[in-house]
PDB file of N, CA and C in Angstrom:
ATOM      1  N   MET A   1     -26.530 216.886 119.216  1.00  0.00           N
ATOM      2  CA  MET A   1     -25.439 216.362 118.424  1.00  0.00           C
ATOM      3  C   MET A   1     -24.306 215.991 119.384  1.00  0.00           C
ATOM      4  N   PRO A   2     -23.872 214.731 119.362  1.00  0.00           N
ATOM      5  CA  PRO A   2     -22.801 214.331 120.276  1.00  0.00           C
ATOM      6  C   PRO A   2     -21.453 214.916 119.876  1.00  0.00           C
ATOM      7  N   ILE A   3     -20.594 215.045 120.855  1.00  0.00           N
ATOM      8  CA  ILE A   3     -19.209 215.449 120.614  1.00  0.00           C
ATOM      9  C   ILE A   3     -18.365 214.217 120.904  1.00  0.00           C
ATOM     10  N   VAL A   4     -17.554 213.826 119.924  1.00  0.00           N
ATOM     11  CA  VAL A   4     -16.805 212.576 120.020  1.00  0.00           C
ATOM     12  C   VAL A   4     -15.320 212.856 119.824  1.00  0.00           C
ATOM     13  N   TYR A   5     -14.501 212.362 120.750  1.00  0.00           N
ATOM     14  CA  TYR A   5     -13.050 212.414 120.602  1.00  0.00           C
ATOM     15  C   TYR A   5     -12.613 211.037 120.099  1.00  0.00           C
ATOM     16  N   ILE A   6     -11.853 211.019 118.983  1.00  0.00           N
ATOM     17  CA  ILE A   6     -11.425 209.770 118.356  1.00  0.00           C
ATOM     18  C   ILE A   6      -9.903 209.775 118.218  1.00  0.00           C
ATOM     19  N   CYS A   7      -9.285 208.638 118.500  1.00  0.00           N
ATOM     20  CA  CYS A   7      -7.833 208.497 118.348  1.00  0.00           C
ATOM     21  C   CYS A   7      -7.486 208.561 116.867  1.00  0.00           C
ATOM     22  N   SER A   8      -6.483 209.355 116.530  1.00  0.00           N
ATOM     23  CA  SER A   8      -6.101 209.502 115.120  1.00  0.00           C
ATOM     24  C   SER A   8      -5.340 208.286 114.599  1.00  0.00           C
ATOM     25  N   ARG A   9      -4.814 207.464 115.476  1.00  0.00           N
ATOM     26  CA  ARG A   9      -4.083 206.272 115.030  1.00  0.00           C
ATOM     27  C   ARG A   9      -5.013 205.066 114.862  1.00  0.00           C
ATOM     28  N   CYS A  10      -5.710 204.672 115.925  1.00  0.00           N
ATOM     29  CA  CYS A  10      -6.512 203.441 115.874  1.00  0.00           C
ATOM     30  C   CYS A  10      -7.994 203.688 115.596  1.00  0.00           C
ATOM     31  N   LYS A  11      -8.395 204.961 115.563  1.00  0.00           N
ATOM     32  CA  LYS A  11      -9.775 205.363 115.272  1.00  0.00           C
ATOM     33  C   LYS A  11     -10.792 204.912 116.325  1.00  0.00           C
ATOM     34  N   SER A  12     -10.343 204.539 117.501  1.00  0.00           N
ATOM     35  CA  SER A  12     -11.284 204.166 118.552  1.00  0.00           C
ATOM     36  C   SER A  12     -11.854 205.427 119.200  1.00  0.00           C
ATOM     37  N   VAL A  13     -13.063 205.314 119.716  1.00  0.00           N
ATOM     38  CA  VAL A  13     -13.711 206.429 120.403  1.00  0.00           C
ATOM     39  C   VAL A  13     -13.109 206.525 121.801  1.00  0.00           C
ATOM     40  N   ILE A  14     -12.493 207.661 122.065  1.00  0.00           N
ATOM     41  CA  ILE A  14     -11.856 207.888 123.365  1.00  0.00           C
ATOM     42  C   ILE A  14     -12.873 208.444 124.364  1.00  0.00           C
ATOM     43  N   TYR A  15     -13.738 209.328 123.891  1.00  0.00           N
ATOM     44  CA  TYR A  15     -14.747 209.929 124.763  1.00  0.00           C
ATOM     45  C   TYR A  15     -15.924 210.376 123.914  1.00  0.00           C
ATOM     46  N   ARG A  16     -17.123 210.199 124.432  1.00  0.00           N
ATOM     47  CA  ARG A  16     -18.335 210.595 123.711  1.00  0.00           C
ATOM     48  C   ARG A  16     -19.228 211.376 124.669  1.00  0.00           C
ATOM     49  N   PHE A  17     -19.532 212.615 124.315  1.00  0.00           N
ATOM     50  CA  PHE A  17     -20.436 213.455 125.102  1.00  0.00           C
ATOM     51  C   PHE A  17     -21.768 213.490 124.367  1.00  0.00           C
ATOM     52  N   GLU A  18     -22.790 212.860 124.931  1.00  0.00           N
ATOM     53  CA  GLU A  18     -24.084 212.690 124.262  1.00  0.00           C
ATOM     54  C   GLU A  18     -25.096 213.793 124.569  1.00  0.00           C
ATOM     55  N   ARG A  19     -25.176 214.196 125.839  1.00  0.00           N
ATOM     56  CA  ARG A  19     -26.263 215.103 126.213  1.00  0.00           C
ATOM     57  C   ARG A  19     -25.884 215.942 127.444  1.00  0.00           C
ATOM     58  N   ALA A  20     -26.579 217.041 127.589  1.00  0.00           N
ATOM     59  CA  ALA A  20     -26.378 217.882 128.771  1.00  0.00           C
ATOM     60  C   ALA A  20     -26.790 217.096 130.009  1.00  0.00           C
ATOM     61  N   GLY A  21     -26.053 217.254 131.078  1.00  0.00           N
ATOM     62  CA  GLY A  21     -26.338 216.538 132.312  1.00  0.00           C
ATOM     63  C   GLY A  21     -25.615 215.205 132.411  1.00  0.00           C
ATOM     64  N   GLN A  22     -24.949 214.798 131.348  1.00  0.00           N
ATOM     65  CA  GLN A  22     -24.212 213.529 131.350  1.00  0.00           C
ATOM     66  C   GLN A  22     -23.043 213.589 132.322  1.00  0.00           C
ATOM     67  N   ASP A  23     -22.401 214.732 132.370  1.00  0.00           N
ATOM     68  CA  ASP A  23     -21.213 214.907 133.205  1.00  0.00           C
ATOM     69  C   ASP A  23     -21.361 216.239 133.933  1.00  0.00           C
ATOM     70  N   TYR A  24     -21.086 216.247 135.207  1.00  0.00           N
ATOM     71  CA  TYR A  24     -21.234 217.452 136.014  1.00  0.00           C
ATOM     72  C   TYR A  24     -20.399 218.608 135.471  1.00  0.00           C
ATOM     73  N   TYR A  25     -19.238 218.303 134.888  1.00  0.00           N
ATOM     74  CA  TYR A  25     -18.324 219.340 134.423  1.00  0.00           C
ATOM     75  C   TYR A  25     -18.568 219.769 132.985  1.00  0.00           C
ATOM     76  N   GLY A  26     -19.427 219.081 132.256  1.00  0.00           N
ATOM     77  CA  GLY A  26     -19.682 219.436 130.859  1.00  0.00           C
ATOM     78  C   GLY A  26     -18.684 218.774 129.923  1.00  0.00           C
ATOM     79  N   ILE A  27     -18.529 219.351 128.755  1.00  0.00           N
ATOM     80  CA  ILE A  27     -17.656 218.790 127.729  1.00  0.00           C
ATOM     81  C   ILE A  27     -16.199 219.035 128.121  1.00  0.00           C
ATOM     82  N   PRO A  28     -15.383 217.977 128.197  1.00  0.00           N
ATOM     83  CA  PRO A  28     -13.981 218.184 128.561  1.00  0.00           C
ATOM     84  C   PRO A  28     -13.178 218.774 127.404  1.00  0.00           C
ATOM     85  N   THR A  29     -12.229 219.627 127.730  1.00  0.00           N
ATOM     86  CA  THR A  29     -11.308 220.139 126.713  1.00  0.00           C
ATOM     87  C   THR A  29     -10.320 219.022 126.379  1.00  0.00           C
ATOM     88  N   PRO A  30      -9.607 219.138 125.250  1.00  0.00           N
ATOM     89  CA  PRO A  30      -8.604 218.112 124.936  1.00  0.00           C
ATOM     90  C   PRO A  30      -7.578 217.919 126.056  1.00  0.00           C
ATOM     91  N   SER A  31      -7.152 219.003 126.704  1.00  0.00           N
ATOM     92  CA  SER A  31      -6.161 218.851 127.778  1.00  0.00           C
ATOM     93  C   SER A  31      -6.765 218.168 129.008  1.00  0.00           C
ATOM     94  N   GLU A  32      -8.014 218.456 129.346  1.00  0.00           N
ATOM     95  CA  GLU A  32      -8.669 217.785 130.472  1.00  0.00           C
ATOM     96  C   GLU A  32      -8.832 216.292 130.199  1.00  0.00           C
ATOM     97  N   LEU A  33      -9.211 215.956 128.978  1.00  0.00           N
ATOM     98  CA  LEU A  33      -9.383 214.553 128.617  1.00  0.00           C
ATOM     99  C   LEU A  33      -8.045 213.816 128.639  1.00  0.00           C
ATOM    100  N   SER A  34      -6.999 214.478 128.195  1.00  0.00           N
ATOM    101  CA  SER A  34      -5.665 213.879 128.220  1.00  0.00           C
ATOM    102  C   SER A  34      -5.241 213.565 129.655  1.00  0.00           C
ATOM    103  N   VAL A  35      -5.531 214.471 130.583  1.00  0.00           N
ATOM    104  CA  VAL A  35      -5.196 214.243 131.991  1.00  0.00           C
ATOM    105  C   VAL A  35      -5.997 213.062 132.537  1.00  0.00           C
ATOM    106  N   ARG A  36      -7.284 212.994 132.217  1.00  0.00           N
ATOM    107  CA  ARG A  36      -8.131 211.887 132.684  1.00  0.00           C
ATOM    108  C   ARG A  36      -7.600 210.531 132.229  1.00  0.00           C
ATOM    109  N   LEU A  37      -7.055 210.494 131.007  1.00  0.00           N
ATOM    110  CA  LEU A  37      -6.607 209.229 130.419  1.00  0.00           C
ATOM    111  C   LEU A  37      -5.113 208.981 130.594  1.00  0.00           C
ATOM    112  N   GLY A  38      -4.434 209.843 131.325  1.00  0.00           N
ATOM    113  CA  GLY A  38      -3.007 209.655 131.552  1.00  0.00           C
ATOM    114  C   GLY A  38      -2.145 210.028 130.364  1.00  0.00           C
ATOM    115  N   GLY A  39      -2.723 210.756 129.393  1.00  0.00           N
ATOM    116  CA  GLY A  39      -1.951 211.247 128.255  1.00  0.00           C
ATOM    117  C   GLY A  39      -1.826 210.292 127.084  1.00  0.00           C
ATOM    118  N   PHE A  40      -2.487 209.117 127.172  1.00  0.00           N
ATOM    119  CA  PHE A  40      -2.358 208.122 126.109  1.00  0.00           C
ATOM    120  C   PHE A  40      -3.709 207.526 125.737  1.00  0.00           C
ATOM    121  N   CYS A  41      -3.846 207.124 124.478  1.00  0.00           N
ATOM    122  CA  CYS A  41      -5.042 206.414 124.029  1.00  0.00           C
ATOM    123  C   CYS A  41      -5.118 205.097 124.797  1.00  0.00           C
ATOM    124  N   PRO A  42      -6.266 204.789 125.406  1.00  0.00           N
ATOM    125  CA  PRO A  42      -6.365 203.553 126.182  1.00  0.00           C
ATOM    126  C   PRO A  42      -6.304 202.287 125.324  1.00  0.00           C
ATOM    127  N   ARG A  43      -6.558 202.410 124.043  1.00  0.00           N
ATOM    128  CA  ARG A  43      -6.547 201.223 123.175  1.00  0.00           C
ATOM    129  C   ARG A  43      -5.179 200.944 122.558  1.00  0.00           C
ATOM    130  N   CYS A  44      -4.559 201.976 121.946  1.00  0.00           N
ATOM    131  CA  CYS A  44      -3.309 201.726 121.213  1.00  0.00           C
ATOM    132  C   CYS A  44      -2.075 202.335 121.878  1.00  0.00           C
ATOM    133  N   GLY A  45      -2.270 203.201 122.883  1.00  0.00           N
ATOM    134  CA  GLY A  45      -1.141 203.777 123.599  1.00  0.00           C
ATOM    135  C   GLY A  45      -0.523 205.008 122.962  1.00  0.00           C
ATOM    136  N   LYS A  46      -1.131 205.542 121.899  1.00  0.00           N
ATOM    137  CA  LYS A  46      -0.604 206.741 121.241  1.00  0.00           C
ATOM    138  C   LYS A  46      -0.691 207.926 122.197  1.00  0.00           C
ATOM    139  N   PRO A  47       0.368 208.726 122.301  1.00  0.00           N
ATOM    140  CA  PRO A  47       0.295 209.935 123.123  1.00  0.00           C
ATOM    141  C   PRO A  47      -0.789 210.876 122.582  1.00  0.00           C
ATOM    142  N   LEU A  48      -1.609 211.404 123.477  1.00  0.00           N
ATOM    143  CA  LEU A  48      -2.692 212.296 123.069  1.00  0.00           C
ATOM    144  C   LEU A  48      -2.182 213.723 122.969  1.00  0.00           C
ATOM    145  N   SER A  49      -2.494 214.368 121.875  1.00  0.00           N
ATOM    146  CA  SER A  49      -2.106 215.758 121.672  1.00  0.00           C
ATOM    147  C   SER A  49      -3.180 216.664 122.256  1.00  0.00           C
ATOM    148  N   THR A  50      -2.768 217.751 122.874  1.00  0.00           N
ATOM    149  CA  THR A  50      -3.732 218.707 123.418  1.00  0.00           C
ATOM    150  C   THR A  50      -3.853 219.938 122.527  1.00  0.00           C
ATOM    151  N   LYS A  51      -3.102 219.955 121.432  1.00  0.00           N
ATOM    152  CA  LYS A  51      -3.190 221.074 120.495  1.00  0.00           C
ATOM    153  C   LYS A  51      -4.383 220.859 119.571  1.00  0.00           C
ATOM    154  N   ILE A  52      -5.148 221.917 119.374  1.00  0.00           N
ATOM    155  CA  ILE A  52      -6.312 221.836 118.500  1.00  0.00           C
ATOM    156  C   ILE A  52      -5.914 222.290 117.110  1.00  0.00           C
ATOM    157  N   ASP A  53      -6.081 221.408 116.153  1.00  0.00           N
ATOM    158  CA  ASP A  53      -5.819 221.708 114.751  1.00  0.00           C
ATOM    159  C   ASP A  53      -7.162 221.653 114.036  1.00  0.00           C
ATOM    160  N   LEU A  54      -7.591 222.759 113.468  1.00  0.00           N
ATOM    161  CA  LEU A  54      -8.911 222.807 112.843  1.00  0.00           C
ATOM    162  C   LEU A  54      -9.076 221.787 111.727  1.00  0.00           C
ATOM    163  N   GLN A  55      -7.988 221.320 111.154  1.00  0.00           N
ATOM    164  CA  GLN A  55      -8.088 220.308 110.105  1.00  0.00           C
ATOM    165  C   GLN A  55      -8.450 218.942 110.679  1.00  0.00           C
ATOM    166  N   ASN A  56      -8.323 218.770 111.982  1.00  0.00           N
ATOM    167  CA  ASN A  56      -8.672 217.505 112.620  1.00  0.00           C
ATOM    168  C   ASN A  56     -10.095 217.491 113.162  1.00  0.00           C
ATOM    169  N   ILE A  57     -10.829 218.575 112.967  1.00  0.00           N
ATOM    170  CA  ILE A  57     -12.199 218.665 113.456  1.00  0.00           C
ATOM    171  C   ILE A  57     -13.154 218.404 112.305  1.00  0.00           C
ATOM    172  N   GLU A  58     -14.078 217.470 112.518  1.00  0.00           N
ATOM    173  CA  GLU A  58     -15.088 217.157 111.513  1.00  0.00           C
ATOM    174  C   GLU A  58     -16.464 217.419 112.102  1.00  0.00           C
ATOM    175  N   ILE A  59     -17.305 218.068 111.332  1.00  0.00           N
ATOM    176  CA  ILE A  59     -18.690 218.282 111.725  1.00  0.00           C
ATOM    177  C   ILE A  59     -19.540 217.453 110.783  1.00  0.00           C
ATOM    178  N   LYS A  60     -20.289 216.513 111.362  1.00  0.00           N
ATOM    179  CA  LYS A  60     -21.096 215.605 110.553  1.00  0.00           C
ATOM    180  C   LYS A  60     -22.546 215.664 110.998  1.00  0.00           C
ATOM    181  N   SER A  61     -23.421 215.492 110.054  1.00  0.00           N
ATOM    182  CA  SER A  61     -24.836 215.365 110.358  1.00  0.00           C
ATOM    183  C   SER A  61     -25.071 213.989 110.959  1.00  0.00           C
ATOM    184  N   ARG A  62     -26.023 213.874 111.840  1.00  0.00           N
ATOM    185  CA  ARG A  62     -26.314 212.565 112.413  1.00  0.00           C
ATOM    186  C   ARG A  62     -26.875 211.608 111.367  1.00  0.00           C
ATOM    187  N   TYR A  63     -27.237 212.132 110.210  1.00  0.00           N
ATOM    188  CA  TYR A  63     -27.814 211.298 109.155  1.00  0.00           C
ATOM    189  C   TYR A  63     -26.786 210.845 108.138  1.00  0.00           C
ATOM    190  N   ASP A  64     -25.513 211.217 108.332  1.00  0.00           N
ATOM    191  CA  ASP A  64     -24.452 210.785 107.402  1.00  0.00           C
ATOM    192  C   ASP A  64     -24.096 209.338 107.618  1.00  0.00           C
TER     193      ASP A  64
END
């Protein structure tokens, strides 16, 4: 099951982790991803939040 980070403003995919071995470091935390991207969504420029709010997490079946 992939892990996908999506911008809350423009809904673009910021980062997608598909499988083990894809990245030497594994799944990035929100703060690590924010540092990689300079703190902003590359598409719309919205500042990226590093706070995890459980209401912003969605778990979906790949068949949805």
